[in-house]
Protein backbone atom coordinates (compact mmCIF):
# COMPACT_ATOMS: atom_id res chain seq x y z
CA MET A 1 -45.73 11.34 84.71
CA THR A 2 -45.05 14.60 86.94
CA SER A 3 -41.73 15.86 87.23
CA ARG A 4 -39.81 17.07 90.37
CA THR A 5 -36.95 19.41 91.18
CA VAL A 6 -34.13 17.52 93.09
CA THR A 7 -31.73 20.01 94.58
CA GLY A 8 -28.51 19.94 96.11
CA LEU A 9 -26.08 22.33 98.25
CA PHE A 10 -22.38 21.32 98.16
CA ASP A 11 -19.64 22.97 100.21
CA SER A 12 -16.78 22.15 96.97
CA PHE A 13 -17.61 22.84 93.51
CA GLU A 14 -15.37 19.76 92.78
CA ASP A 15 -18.30 17.64 94.51
CA ALA A 16 -20.99 19.31 92.67
CA ALA A 17 -19.36 18.65 89.40
CA GLY A 18 -19.02 15.23 89.77
CA ALA A 19 -22.53 15.14 90.73
CA ILE A 20 -23.09 16.82 87.43
CA ARG A 21 -21.49 14.48 85.73
CA ASP A 22 -23.18 11.27 87.18
CA LEU A 23 -26.51 13.00 86.69
CA GLU A 24 -25.92 13.33 83.35
CA ALA A 25 -24.71 9.72 83.10
CA ALA A 26 -28.12 8.54 84.58
CA GLY A 27 -29.61 10.14 82.02
CA VAL A 28 -30.88 13.41 83.42
CA SER A 29 -30.70 15.70 80.30
CA GLU A 30 -28.32 18.41 80.05
CA ARG A 31 -31.31 21.02 79.35
CA ASP A 32 -32.91 19.80 82.95
CA LEU A 33 -29.75 20.63 84.79
CA ALA A 34 -28.35 23.84 86.54
CA LEU A 35 -25.71 24.68 88.56
CA VAL A 36 -24.88 28.26 90.48
CA VAL A 37 -21.27 28.65 91.92
CA ASN A 38 -20.73 31.82 94.02
CA ASN A 39 -17.62 33.92 92.26
CA ALA A 40 -17.69 36.91 94.76
CA ASP A 41 -14.12 36.08 95.48
CA GLU A 42 -13.08 35.92 92.05
CA ARG A 43 -11.95 32.13 92.47
CA TYR A 44 -13.07 31.65 88.44
CA ALA A 45 -12.39 33.57 85.50
CA LEU A 46 -13.75 33.81 81.70
CA ALA A 47 -11.23 32.23 79.40
CA ASP A 48 -10.73 33.79 75.79
CA ASP A 49 -13.25 31.13 74.72
CA GLY A 50 -15.73 32.25 77.17
CA ARG A 51 -16.23 29.36 79.47
CA ALA A 52 -15.32 29.82 82.95
CA ARG A 53 -11.80 28.45 84.31
CA HIS A 54 -10.41 27.82 87.79
CA ARG A 55 -7.76 30.11 89.24
CA SER A 56 -5.36 27.36 90.26
CA GLY A 57 -3.41 29.03 93.65
CA ALA A 58 -4.67 31.50 95.94
CA GLY A 59 -3.85 35.28 96.03
CA THR A 60 -3.43 37.80 93.30
CA GLY A 61 -1.98 36.81 90.30
CA ALA A 62 -2.80 33.27 90.41
CA SER A 63 -2.98 31.27 87.04
CA ILE A 64 -5.52 30.25 85.64
CA GLY A 65 -6.03 26.52 85.63
CA THR A 66 -8.13 23.83 83.64
CA VAL A 67 -11.51 24.55 82.09
CA LEU A 68 -14.31 23.78 85.11
CA GLY A 69 -15.68 20.22 84.44
CA GLY A 70 -14.24 19.85 80.73
CA GLY A 71 -15.82 17.91 77.82
CA ALA A 72 -19.32 17.88 76.63
CA GLY A 73 -22.55 18.37 78.78
CA LEU A 74 -23.76 21.09 81.12
CA LEU A 75 -20.26 22.13 82.56
CA ALA A 76 -18.72 22.77 79.12
CA GLY A 77 -21.15 25.91 79.05
CA LEU A 78 -20.57 27.55 82.30
CA GLY A 79 -20.92 31.48 82.22
CA MET A 80 -20.47 34.36 84.58
CA LEU A 81 -23.60 36.65 85.63
CA ALA A 82 -24.78 38.51 88.89
CA ILE A 83 -27.85 37.33 90.79
CA PRO A 84 -29.08 39.68 93.39
CA GLY A 85 -28.41 39.39 97.25
CA ILE A 86 -24.99 36.78 96.13
CA GLY A 87 -23.13 38.99 93.55
CA PRO A 88 -21.16 37.06 90.76
CA VAL A 89 -21.50 33.66 90.14
CA VAL A 90 -20.35 30.78 87.75
CA ALA A 91 -23.20 29.40 86.29
CA ALA A 92 -25.20 27.21 83.63
CA GLY A 93 -28.54 25.68 82.76
CA TRP A 94 -32.33 26.19 82.84
CA LEU A 95 -32.12 28.32 85.99
CA VAL A 96 -29.77 30.66 85.08
CA ALA A 97 -32.13 32.69 82.77
CA THR A 98 -34.75 33.49 85.81
CA ALA A 99 -31.88 33.58 88.38
CA ALA A 100 -30.34 36.57 86.82
CA GLY A 101 -33.94 38.11 85.59
CA ALA A 102 -34.06 40.50 88.50
CA ALA A 103 -31.01 42.34 87.90
CA ALA A 104 -32.85 43.52 84.71
CA GLY A 105 -35.90 44.59 86.72
CA ALA A 106 -38.04 41.15 86.57
CA ALA A 107 -40.79 40.47 89.12
CA ALA A 108 -39.97 36.99 89.37
CA GLY A 109 -36.30 36.86 89.22
CA GLY A 110 -34.03 36.19 91.46
CA LEU A 111 -32.67 32.68 92.92
CA LEU A 112 -35.71 32.48 95.49
CA GLY A 113 -38.11 33.15 92.43
CA SER A 114 -36.14 30.62 90.30
CA LEU A 115 -36.58 27.66 92.94
CA THR A 116 -40.10 28.32 94.10
CA GLY A 117 -41.22 28.47 90.54
CA ALA A 118 -39.51 24.91 90.10
CA GLY A 119 -41.35 23.85 92.91
CA VAL A 120 -38.58 23.51 95.91
CA SER A 121 -40.25 24.86 99.11
CA LYS A 122 -40.36 28.19 100.42
CA GLU A 123 -37.94 27.15 103.24
CA TYR A 124 -35.62 25.23 101.37
CA ALA A 125 -35.36 27.74 98.57
CA HIS A 126 -34.29 30.39 101.31
CA LEU A 127 -31.57 27.94 102.61
CA TYR A 128 -30.10 27.17 99.24
CA ALA A 129 -29.88 30.85 98.29
CA GLU A 130 -28.28 31.60 101.21
CA GLY A 131 -25.96 28.70 101.10
CA VAL A 132 -25.20 29.73 97.63
CA ARG A 133 -24.26 33.11 99.05
CA ARG A 134 -22.10 32.23 101.71
CA GLY A 135 -19.57 30.14 99.20
CA GLY A 136 -21.74 27.23 98.19
CA THR A 137 -22.39 25.27 94.97
CA LEU A 138 -26.26 24.53 93.88
CA VAL A 139 -27.15 21.71 91.39
CA THR A 140 -30.54 21.33 90.41
CA ALA A 141 -32.41 18.71 88.29
CA CYS A 142 -35.90 18.60 86.74
CA VAL A 143 -36.53 15.02 86.64
CA ASP A 144 -39.60 12.44 86.65
CA ASP A 145 -41.03 11.94 90.02
CA GLY A 146 -40.20 8.19 89.98
CA HIS A 147 -36.80 5.80 89.74
CA LEU A 148 -35.18 8.73 88.16
CA ALA A 149 -35.75 11.11 91.18
CA SER A 150 -34.93 8.36 93.35
CA THR A 151 -31.48 7.92 91.67
CA ALA A 152 -30.71 11.56 91.51
CA GLU A 153 -31.53 11.98 95.10
CA ALA A 154 -29.03 9.24 95.59
CA ILE A 155 -26.09 10.93 93.45
CA LEU A 156 -26.48 13.94 95.46
CA ARG A 157 -25.95 12.36 98.49
CA ARG A 158 -23.12 10.12 97.30
CA HIS A 159 -21.18 13.29 96.45
CA ARG A 160 -22.00 14.95 99.91
CA ALA A 161 -24.73 17.38 99.37
CA VAL A 162 -24.82 19.11 102.61
CA ASP A 163 -27.93 17.74 104.98
CA PRO A 164 -30.23 20.94 104.81
CA LEU A 165 -31.88 20.55 108.40
CA GLU A 166 -27.81 20.09 109.37
CA ARG A 167 -27.17 23.55 107.53
CA GLU A 168 -30.17 25.15 108.29
CA LYS A 169 -29.70 24.78 112.16
CA LEU A 170 -26.23 26.24 111.94
CA TYR A 171 -27.51 29.35 110.42
CA ARG A 172 -30.30 29.80 112.86
CA GLU A 173 -28.10 29.49 115.60
CA GLU A 174 -26.16 32.57 114.28
CA GLY A 175 -29.35 34.55 114.07
CA TRP A 176 -29.95 34.06 110.27
CA THR A 177 -34.00 34.13 109.72
CA GLY A 178 -33.98 33.98 105.83
CA PHE A 179 -32.44 34.90 102.32
CA ASP A 180 -32.36 38.57 101.89
CA GLU A 181 -31.98 39.68 97.78
CA ARG A 182 -31.09 43.02 98.92
CA ALA A 183 -28.43 42.06 101.16
CA LYS A 184 -24.82 42.88 100.31
CA PRO A 185 -22.82 40.02 98.53
CA PHE A 186 -20.00 38.35 101.19
CA SER A 187 -16.31 39.57 100.82
CA ALA A 188 -13.71 37.44 99.76
CA GLU A 189 -12.68 37.19 103.26
CA GLU A 190 -15.90 36.72 104.59
CA LEU A 191 -16.58 33.63 102.17
CA ALA A 192 -13.00 32.22 103.61
CA ARG A 193 -14.30 32.55 106.78
CA GLU A 194 -17.95 30.51 105.98
CA ARG A 195 -15.82 27.65 104.37
CA ASN A 196 -13.69 27.31 107.03
CA LEU A 197 -16.59 27.07 109.37
CA TYR A 198 -18.05 24.30 107.55
CA ARG A 199 -15.14 22.08 107.24
CA GLU A 200 -14.71 22.59 111.01
CA ASN A 201 -18.33 21.47 111.57
CA PHE A 202 -18.84 19.06 108.86
CA PRO A 203 -15.68 17.65 108.06
CA LEU A 204 -15.36 15.51 104.61
């Protein structure tokens, strides 16, 4: 049976983490899952054990809260890296090595190359990469193109993955034409503005 890459962009890390947990519970192997979370505003920090932790509260001096995800599975292995055009991210899974490759000079590196190489269309790859650049969280799963693919898609929808066509429309209304790996990563202020915009246009 052929495999398929099922992808979801989330405005909330918590929603994305819930999707990851349900995908694992549905039988998607940890090695077939990946997660990329924008961290340009330093929302997350590495704990002494090397895992990513969420900063509770806001502003300078905010304390470090609970371990992201916690427990076993993909969420227990989150770490930090930088992706061209996006900047610092918290990430784990099969997508990570390729996405970080451009920073080391790999021709096929970067998030765009990772997604298109996994079978995501060029148009959607640009949208998903831009979504992460603007503060979103990306979840990808490589699954058999059959019942499990349908189950994975339903899980992503249930956890409020954004509608890619609606999000693309919103971006294009602002003059966006595509993701640029040479672009400067968003600042903390820009990310806050983007997140507020999504809440206004797509209330939870």
